[in-house]
N, C-alpha and C. Protein backbone atom coordinates (compact mmCIF):
# COMPACT_ATOMS: atom_id res chain seq x y z
N MET A 1 0.86 -0.90 -0.23
CA MET A 1 0.31 -0.14 -0.09
C MET A 1 0.58 1.01 -0.35
N THR A 2 0.45 2.02 -1.21
CA THR A 2 1.39 3.34 -0.73
C THR A 2 0.47 4.39 -0.55
N THR A 3 1.11 5.29 0.98
CA THR A 3 0.90 5.98 1.07
C THR A 3 1.54 7.47 1.41
N ARG A 4 1.19 8.87 1.34
CA ARG A 4 1.26 9.67 1.21
C ARG A 4 0.39 10.61 2.12
N ARG A 5 1.37 12.05 3.22
CA ARG A 5 0.96 12.90 3.85
C ARG A 5 1.15 14.12 3.55
N THR A 6 -0.01 14.85 3.96
CA THR A 6 0.71 16.31 3.99
C THR A 6 -0.20 17.27 5.01
N ALA A 7 0.55 18.17 5.52
CA ALA A 7 -0.30 18.98 6.43
C ALA A 7 -0.22 20.21 6.57
N VAL A 8 -1.39 21.03 6.08
CA VAL A 8 -1.40 22.69 6.26
C VAL A 8 -2.53 23.43 7.26
N PRO A 9 -2.16 24.63 7.49
CA PRO A 9 -3.44 25.36 8.55
C PRO A 9 -4.69 25.93 7.37
N ALA A 10 -5.58 26.24 8.05
CA ALA A 10 -7.01 25.78 7.45
C ALA A 10 -6.90 26.75 6.77
N ASP A 11 -6.19 27.50 5.95
CA ASP A 11 -6.01 28.96 5.29
C ASP A 11 -6.94 28.57 3.52
N PRO A 12 -7.85 29.09 3.01
CA PRO A 12 -8.21 29.13 1.97
C PRO A 12 -7.13 29.10 1.03
N ALA A 13 -6.13 29.67 1.17
CA ALA A 13 -4.45 30.19 0.43
C ALA A 13 -4.39 28.84 0.33
N GLN A 14 -4.06 27.63 1.36
CA GLN A 14 -3.75 26.12 0.93
C GLN A 14 -4.13 25.66 0.24
N LEU A 15 -5.70 25.76 0.21
CA LEU A 15 -6.48 24.63 -1.10
C LEU A 15 -5.63 24.35 -2.72
N PRO A 16 -4.82 25.42 -3.25
CA PRO A 16 -3.77 25.16 -4.32
C PRO A 16 -2.72 23.81 -3.92
N VAL A 17 -1.95 23.99 -2.31
CA VAL A 17 -1.07 23.17 -2.03
C VAL A 17 -1.41 21.98 -2.05
N LEU A 18 -2.49 21.55 -1.21
CA LEU A 18 -3.73 20.11 -1.39
C LEU A 18 -3.98 19.62 -2.52
N THR A 19 -3.78 20.64 -3.27
CA THR A 19 -4.73 20.22 -5.02
C THR A 19 -3.48 19.62 -5.46
N GLU A 20 -2.54 20.34 -5.28
CA GLU A 20 -1.50 19.73 -6.12
C GLU A 20 -0.72 18.73 -5.48
N PHE A 21 -0.76 18.27 -4.19
CA PHE A 21 -0.37 17.09 -3.52
C PHE A 21 -1.09 16.00 -4.38
N LEU A 22 -2.67 16.35 -4.08
CA LEU A 22 -3.60 15.33 -4.68
C LEU A 22 -2.91 14.99 -6.13
N ARG A 23 -2.98 15.85 -7.04
CA ARG A 23 -2.26 15.45 -8.58
C ARG A 23 -0.92 14.78 -8.27
N GLU A 24 -0.17 15.42 -7.42
CA GLU A 24 0.92 14.29 -7.79
C GLU A 24 0.99 12.80 -7.17
N PHE A 25 0.29 12.51 -6.21
CA PHE A 25 -0.58 11.46 -6.07
C PHE A 25 -1.08 10.54 -6.95
N GLY A 26 -2.19 10.95 -7.74
CA GLY A 26 -2.48 10.64 -8.35
C GLY A 26 -1.66 10.57 -9.51
N SER A 27 -0.78 11.19 -9.94
CA SER A 27 0.32 10.70 -10.97
C SER A 27 1.03 9.70 -10.63
N ALA A 28 2.11 9.69 -9.64
CA ALA A 28 2.71 8.87 -9.25
C ALA A 28 1.88 6.94 -9.41
N ALA A 29 0.48 7.40 -8.47
CA ALA A 29 -0.19 6.07 -9.17
C ALA A 29 -0.63 5.53 -10.39
N ALA A 30 -0.60 6.80 -11.30
CA ALA A 30 -1.22 5.87 -12.58
C ALA A 30 -2.97 6.03 -12.51
N LEU A 31 -3.08 7.31 -12.04
CA LEU A 31 -4.66 6.94 -11.84
C LEU A 31 -5.11 8.38 -12.75
N ALA A 32 -6.49 7.56 -13.23
CA ALA A 32 -7.47 8.28 -14.52
C ALA A 32 -7.21 9.93 -14.12
N PRO A 33 -7.48 10.91 -14.98
CA PRO A 33 -7.86 12.32 -14.24
C PRO A 33 -9.01 12.11 -13.92
N ALA A 34 -9.90 11.27 -14.27
CA ALA A 34 -11.62 11.36 -13.48
C ALA A 34 -11.30 11.27 -12.36
N GLN A 35 -10.83 9.84 -12.14
CA GLN A 35 -10.91 9.35 -10.58
C GLN A 35 -9.74 10.29 -9.32
N VAL A 36 -9.04 11.01 -10.30
CA VAL A 36 -8.44 12.16 -9.90
C VAL A 36 -9.47 13.39 -9.46
N GLY A 37 -9.96 13.84 -10.15
CA GLY A 37 -11.04 14.33 -9.98
C GLY A 37 -11.85 14.42 -8.97
N ASN A 38 -12.91 13.13 -9.30
CA ASN A 38 -13.47 13.10 -7.95
C ASN A 38 -13.24 13.31 -6.54
N PHE A 39 -11.40 12.82 -6.07
CA PHE A 39 -10.94 13.21 -5.31
C PHE A 39 -10.64 14.61 -5.26
N GLU A 40 -10.32 15.27 -6.16
CA GLU A 40 -10.35 16.83 -5.84
C GLU A 40 -11.69 17.36 -5.63
N LEU A 41 -12.28 17.17 -6.29
CA LEU A 41 -13.71 17.45 -5.66
C LEU A 41 -14.11 17.21 -3.87
N ALA A 42 -14.20 16.31 -3.53
CA ALA A 42 -14.25 15.59 -2.12
C ALA A 42 -13.38 16.84 -0.92
N LEU A 43 -11.80 16.77 -1.41
CA LEU A 43 -11.05 17.47 -0.90
C LEU A 43 -11.40 18.66 -0.85
N GLU A 44 -11.87 19.17 -2.13
CA GLU A 44 -12.24 20.82 -1.57
C GLU A 44 -13.56 21.42 -1.13
N GLU A 45 -13.99 20.29 -0.77
CA GLU A 45 -15.78 20.63 -0.24
C GLU A 45 -15.31 20.30 1.07
N ILE A 46 -14.59 19.43 1.50
CA ILE A 46 -14.12 18.94 3.32
C ILE A 46 -13.18 20.34 3.82
N PHE A 47 -12.15 20.83 2.95
CA PHE A 47 -11.14 21.24 3.37
C PHE A 47 -11.76 22.47 3.20
N LEU A 48 -12.64 23.40 2.51
CA LEU A 48 -13.10 24.26 2.50
C LEU A 48 -14.44 24.47 3.50
N ASN A 49 -15.21 22.83 3.80
CA ASN A 49 -16.37 23.54 5.30
C ASN A 49 -14.74 23.83 6.80
N ILE A 50 -13.69 23.00 6.68
CA ILE A 50 -12.86 23.05 7.43
C ILE A 50 -12.79 24.60 7.98
N VAL A 51 -12.53 25.16 6.91
CA VAL A 51 -11.75 26.20 6.80
C VAL A 51 -13.08 27.34 7.38
N MET A 52 -13.96 27.20 6.40
CA MET A 52 -15.21 28.29 7.25
C MET A 52 -15.98 27.29 8.68
N HIS A 53 -15.88 26.91 8.66
CA HIS A 53 -17.13 26.49 9.53
C HIS A 53 -16.47 25.60 11.18
N GLY A 54 -15.36 25.30 10.86
CA GLY A 54 -14.64 24.19 11.83
C GLY A 54 -13.11 24.72 12.71
N SER A 55 -13.51 26.03 12.80
CA SER A 55 -12.54 26.85 13.39
C SER A 55 -12.72 27.85 14.38
N GLU A 56 -12.15 28.54 15.56
CA GLU A 56 -12.59 29.05 16.51
C GLU A 56 -12.20 30.65 16.37
N PRO A 57 -12.71 31.48 16.55
CA PRO A 57 -12.15 32.73 15.88
C PRO A 57 -10.56 33.08 16.51
N GLY A 58 -10.01 33.45 15.60
CA GLY A 58 -8.61 33.74 15.62
C GLY A 58 -7.47 32.38 15.86
N ILE A 59 -8.53 31.25 15.57
CA ILE A 59 -7.78 30.14 15.71
C ILE A 59 -7.83 29.22 14.61
N ALA A 60 -6.72 28.88 13.67
CA ALA A 60 -6.78 27.68 11.67
C ALA A 60 -6.63 26.60 12.75
N PRO A 61 -7.37 25.69 12.27
CA PRO A 61 -6.43 24.43 12.50
C PRO A 61 -5.51 24.10 11.87
N ARG A 62 -5.24 22.51 12.18
CA ARG A 62 -4.12 22.10 11.27
C ARG A 62 -5.14 21.06 10.87
N VAL A 63 -4.94 20.76 9.38
CA VAL A 63 -5.71 20.03 8.72
C VAL A 63 -4.44 18.60 8.27
N GLU A 64 -4.56 17.80 8.33
CA GLU A 64 -3.52 16.49 7.70
C GLU A 64 -4.56 15.74 6.97
N VAL A 65 -3.88 15.88 5.23
CA VAL A 65 -4.48 14.57 4.27
C VAL A 65 -3.31 13.62 4.26
N SER A 66 -4.25 12.29 4.36
CA SER A 66 -3.55 11.11 3.61
C SER A 66 -3.67 10.62 2.61
N LEU A 67 -3.03 10.07 1.53
CA LEU A 67 -4.24 9.12 0.65
C LEU A 67 -3.10 7.98 0.49
N SER A 68 -3.98 6.63 0.51
CA SER A 68 -2.98 5.41 0.24
C SER A 68 -4.06 4.93 -0.93
N LEU A 69 -3.24 4.51 -1.61
CA LEU A 69 -3.92 3.45 -2.65
C LEU A 69 -3.17 1.53 -2.36
N ASP A 70 -4.18 1.47 -2.28
CA ASP A 70 -4.28 -0.26 -2.21
C ASP A 70 -4.65 -0.98 -3.50
N ALA A 71 -4.59 -2.33 -3.47
CA ALA A 71 -4.87 -3.28 -4.97
C ALA A 71 -6.19 -2.29 -5.47
N ASP A 72 -7.43 -2.08 -5.14
CA ASP A 72 -8.28 -1.72 -5.82
C ASP A 72 -8.78 -0.34 -5.25
N ALA A 73 -8.64 0.55 -4.41
CA ALA A 73 -9.15 1.27 -3.97
C ALA A 73 -8.33 2.75 -3.58
N VAL A 74 -8.65 4.11 -3.78
CA VAL A 74 -8.02 5.34 -2.49
C VAL A 74 -8.92 5.56 -1.61
N ILE A 75 -8.27 5.64 -0.98
CA ILE A 75 -8.69 5.82 0.45
C ILE A 75 -8.18 7.51 1.45
N MET A 76 -8.70 8.58 0.97
CA MET A 76 -8.15 9.93 1.81
C MET A 76 -8.70 9.85 2.76
N THR A 77 -8.12 10.24 3.69
CA THR A 77 -8.38 10.75 5.26
C THR A 77 -8.10 12.38 5.35
N ILE A 78 -9.07 12.56 6.05
CA ILE A 78 -8.62 14.45 6.27
C ILE A 78 -9.06 14.43 7.50
N GLU A 79 -8.11 14.69 8.67
CA GLU A 79 -7.73 14.93 10.12
C GLU A 79 -8.07 16.47 10.30
N ASP A 80 -8.57 16.71 10.59
CA ASP A 80 -8.09 18.52 11.88
C ASP A 80 -8.17 18.52 13.46
N ASP A 81 -7.95 19.92 14.01
CA ASP A 81 -7.43 19.56 15.66
C ASP A 81 -8.75 20.68 15.92
N GLY A 82 -9.94 20.98 15.27
CA GLY A 82 -11.25 22.11 15.06
C GLY A 82 -11.65 21.19 16.27
N PRO A 83 -12.93 22.35 16.49
CA PRO A 83 -13.98 21.68 17.33
C PRO A 83 -14.80 20.48 16.73
N GLN A 84 -14.74 19.60 17.57
CA GLN A 84 -15.78 18.18 17.27
C GLN A 84 -16.93 18.83 16.59
N PHE A 85 -17.22 17.95 15.50
CA PHE A 85 -18.21 18.24 14.37
C PHE A 85 -17.87 16.90 13.49
N ASP A 86 -19.44 16.62 13.34
CA ASP A 86 -20.08 15.30 12.15
C ASP A 86 -20.45 15.41 11.37
N PRO A 87 -19.34 15.99 10.12
CA PRO A 87 -20.63 16.65 9.31
C PRO A 87 -21.59 15.64 8.44
N LEU A 88 -21.21 14.09 8.34
CA LEU A 88 -22.06 13.20 8.29
C LEU A 88 -23.46 13.13 9.21
N SER A 89 -23.75 13.85 10.42
CA SER A 89 -24.80 13.67 10.76
C SER A 89 -25.53 14.46 10.45
N LEU A 90 -25.27 15.51 9.46
CA LEU A 90 -26.35 16.53 8.94
C LEU A 90 -27.20 15.78 8.10
N PRO A 91 -28.31 16.24 8.07
CA PRO A 91 -29.79 15.67 7.13
C PRO A 91 -29.21 16.15 5.82
N ALA A 92 -29.49 14.73 5.18
CA ALA A 92 -29.80 15.29 3.59
C ALA A 92 -30.67 16.22 2.98
N PRO A 93 -29.60 16.98 2.36
CA PRO A 93 -30.52 17.94 1.66
C PRO A 93 -32.04 17.36 0.55
N ASP A 94 -32.90 18.23 0.75
CA ASP A 94 -34.11 17.80 0.21
C ASP A 94 -33.49 18.29 -1.68
N VAL A 95 -32.91 17.64 -2.13
CA VAL A 95 -33.07 18.52 -3.21
C VAL A 95 -33.70 18.78 -4.64
N THR A 96 -35.14 18.07 -4.55
CA THR A 96 -36.54 17.58 -4.89
C THR A 96 -36.93 19.13 -4.75
N ALA A 97 -36.12 20.07 -3.55
CA ALA A 97 -37.26 21.10 -2.92
C ALA A 97 -37.21 22.42 -3.70
N SER A 98 -37.94 23.40 -4.33
CA SER A 98 -37.41 24.82 -4.36
C SER A 98 -36.28 25.29 -4.04
N LEU A 99 -35.52 25.89 -4.59
CA LEU A 99 -34.58 26.53 -3.97
C LEU A 99 -34.85 27.59 -3.35
N ALA A 100 -36.02 28.31 -3.31
CA ALA A 100 -37.02 29.52 -2.05
C ALA A 100 -36.88 27.92 -0.60
N ASP A 101 -37.28 26.99 -1.24
CA ASP A 101 -37.59 26.28 0.24
C ASP A 101 -36.25 25.46 0.71
N ARG A 102 -35.09 25.21 0.01
CA ARG A 102 -34.21 24.39 0.26
C ARG A 102 -33.60 25.12 1.40
N ARG A 103 -32.85 24.64 2.98
CA ARG A 103 -31.89 25.39 3.49
C ARG A 103 -30.43 25.33 2.76
N VAL A 104 -30.04 26.73 3.85
CA VAL A 104 -29.10 26.75 2.86
C VAL A 104 -27.89 25.81 3.60
N GLY A 105 -26.74 25.38 2.67
CA GLY A 105 -25.60 24.47 3.05
C GLY A 105 -25.99 23.05 2.65
N GLY A 106 -24.97 22.39 3.06
CA GLY A 106 -25.25 20.78 3.08
C GLY A 106 -25.49 19.95 2.01
N LEU A 107 -25.10 21.09 0.66
CA LEU A 107 -24.84 20.52 -0.71
C LEU A 107 -23.21 19.63 -1.20
N GLY A 108 -22.19 20.12 -0.22
CA GLY A 108 -20.94 19.87 -0.49
C GLY A 108 -20.82 18.43 0.53
N VAL A 109 -21.65 18.19 1.08
CA VAL A 109 -20.60 16.85 1.71
C VAL A 109 -22.24 15.64 1.33
N PHE A 110 -23.24 16.12 1.10
CA PHE A 110 -24.15 15.51 0.07
C PHE A 110 -23.46 14.78 -1.45
N LEU A 111 -23.03 15.55 -1.90
CA LEU A 111 -21.94 15.46 -3.04
C LEU A 111 -20.58 14.69 -2.82
N VAL A 112 -20.20 14.78 -1.51
CA VAL A 112 -18.94 13.86 -1.66
C VAL A 112 -19.74 12.46 -1.08
N ARG A 113 -20.94 12.50 -0.04
CA ARG A 113 -21.45 10.76 -0.24
C ARG A 113 -21.62 10.52 -1.53
N LYS A 114 -21.78 11.09 -2.66
CA LYS A 114 -22.46 10.41 -3.75
C LYS A 114 -21.32 10.45 -5.01
N ILE A 115 -20.69 10.64 -4.18
CA ILE A 115 -19.24 10.34 -5.43
C ILE A 115 -18.17 9.28 -4.66
N MET A 116 -18.64 8.69 -3.53
CA MET A 116 -17.33 8.27 -2.84
C MET A 116 -17.88 6.72 -2.42
N ASP A 117 -17.14 6.14 -2.37
CA ASP A 117 -18.11 4.66 -2.24
C ASP A 117 -18.31 4.37 -0.89
N THR A 118 -17.17 4.80 0.18
CA THR A 118 -17.29 4.53 1.52
C THR A 118 -17.15 6.37 2.15
N VAL A 119 -17.81 6.84 2.97
CA VAL A 119 -17.64 8.16 3.73
C VAL A 119 -17.50 7.87 5.51
N SER A 120 -16.47 7.98 6.21
CA SER A 120 -16.83 7.78 7.37
C SER A 120 -16.20 8.90 8.71
N TYR A 121 -17.04 8.88 9.67
CA TYR A 121 -16.26 9.44 10.10
C TYR A 121 -15.74 9.54 11.90
N ALA A 122 -14.83 9.73 12.57
CA ALA A 122 -14.45 9.50 13.80
C ALA A 122 -14.00 10.59 14.38
N ARG A 123 -13.95 10.84 15.40
CA ARG A 123 -13.03 11.86 16.77
C ARG A 123 -11.92 10.86 17.29
N ILE A 124 -11.17 10.81 16.86
CA ILE A 124 -10.07 10.30 17.46
C ILE A 124 -8.85 11.42 18.24
N ALA A 125 -8.28 11.17 19.35
CA ALA A 125 -7.31 11.68 20.08
C ALA A 125 -7.61 13.46 19.99
N GLY A 126 -8.89 13.68 20.06
CA GLY A 126 -9.22 15.00 19.92
C GLY A 126 -9.20 15.71 18.79
N ARG A 127 -9.11 15.05 17.57
CA ARG A 127 -9.08 15.16 16.07
C ARG A 127 -10.39 14.88 15.49
N ASN A 128 -10.69 15.41 14.58
CA ASN A 128 -11.60 15.17 13.88
C ASN A 128 -11.34 14.43 12.54
N GLN A 129 -11.61 13.11 12.30
CA GLN A 129 -11.35 12.22 11.10
C GLN A 129 -12.39 11.95 9.96
N LEU A 130 -12.13 12.57 8.98
CA LEU A 130 -12.68 12.17 7.59
C LEU A 130 -12.40 11.04 6.98
N ARG A 131 -13.00 9.63 6.69
CA ARG A 131 -12.16 8.91 5.67
C ARG A 131 -13.21 8.08 4.32
N MET A 132 -12.51 8.44 3.11
CA MET A 132 -13.56 8.41 2.21
C MET A 132 -12.49 7.70 1.51
N SER A 133 -13.25 6.39 0.28
CA SER A 133 -12.62 5.47 -0.31
C SER A 133 -13.40 5.58 -1.67
N LYS A 134 -12.70 5.33 -2.52
CA LYS A 134 -13.51 5.10 -4.09
C LYS A 134 -12.63 3.75 -4.96
N ARG A 135 -12.93 2.82 -5.76
CA ARG A 135 -12.69 1.87 -6.19
C ARG A 135 -11.82 2.55 -7.40
N VAL A 136 -10.81 2.26 -7.80
CA VAL A 136 -9.80 2.77 -8.94
C VAL A 136 -9.94 1.59 -9.79
N ASP A 137 -9.82 2.12 -10.95
CA ASP A 137 -9.49 0.52 -12.15
C ASP A 137 -8.06 0.59 -12.37
N GLY A 138 -7.70 -0.22 -12.59
CA GLY A 138 -6.23 -0.51 -13.04
C GLY A 138 -5.66 -0.34 -11.54
């Protein structure tokens, strides 16, 4: 199993750093661009949620991203040391409701759950851990 890790502060300016980290992993693992694209979308949604909602005023959590490739799946784990929050506890948005009747937010996590095969949350040693996996070809 191939695993790579990186860590950045929860600052929106760090998103390109994480995206490049993911692309380099995808290239080294010979993943198809569409496969990498699914993980890019999930990474962006979760990282920006941590930036916008997962910090206390004046304190930027540290976000660690790890990527692993096993025989048939990529596993991406995103951890942060912000306040405890399980994004999977949010109710699924009613995508059939009119825009005027929909509550604000929640579409990013909904989308991540749709594009990944598995998504799980745990609070481990004072850190939020969101783990996602998706089967890959080849």
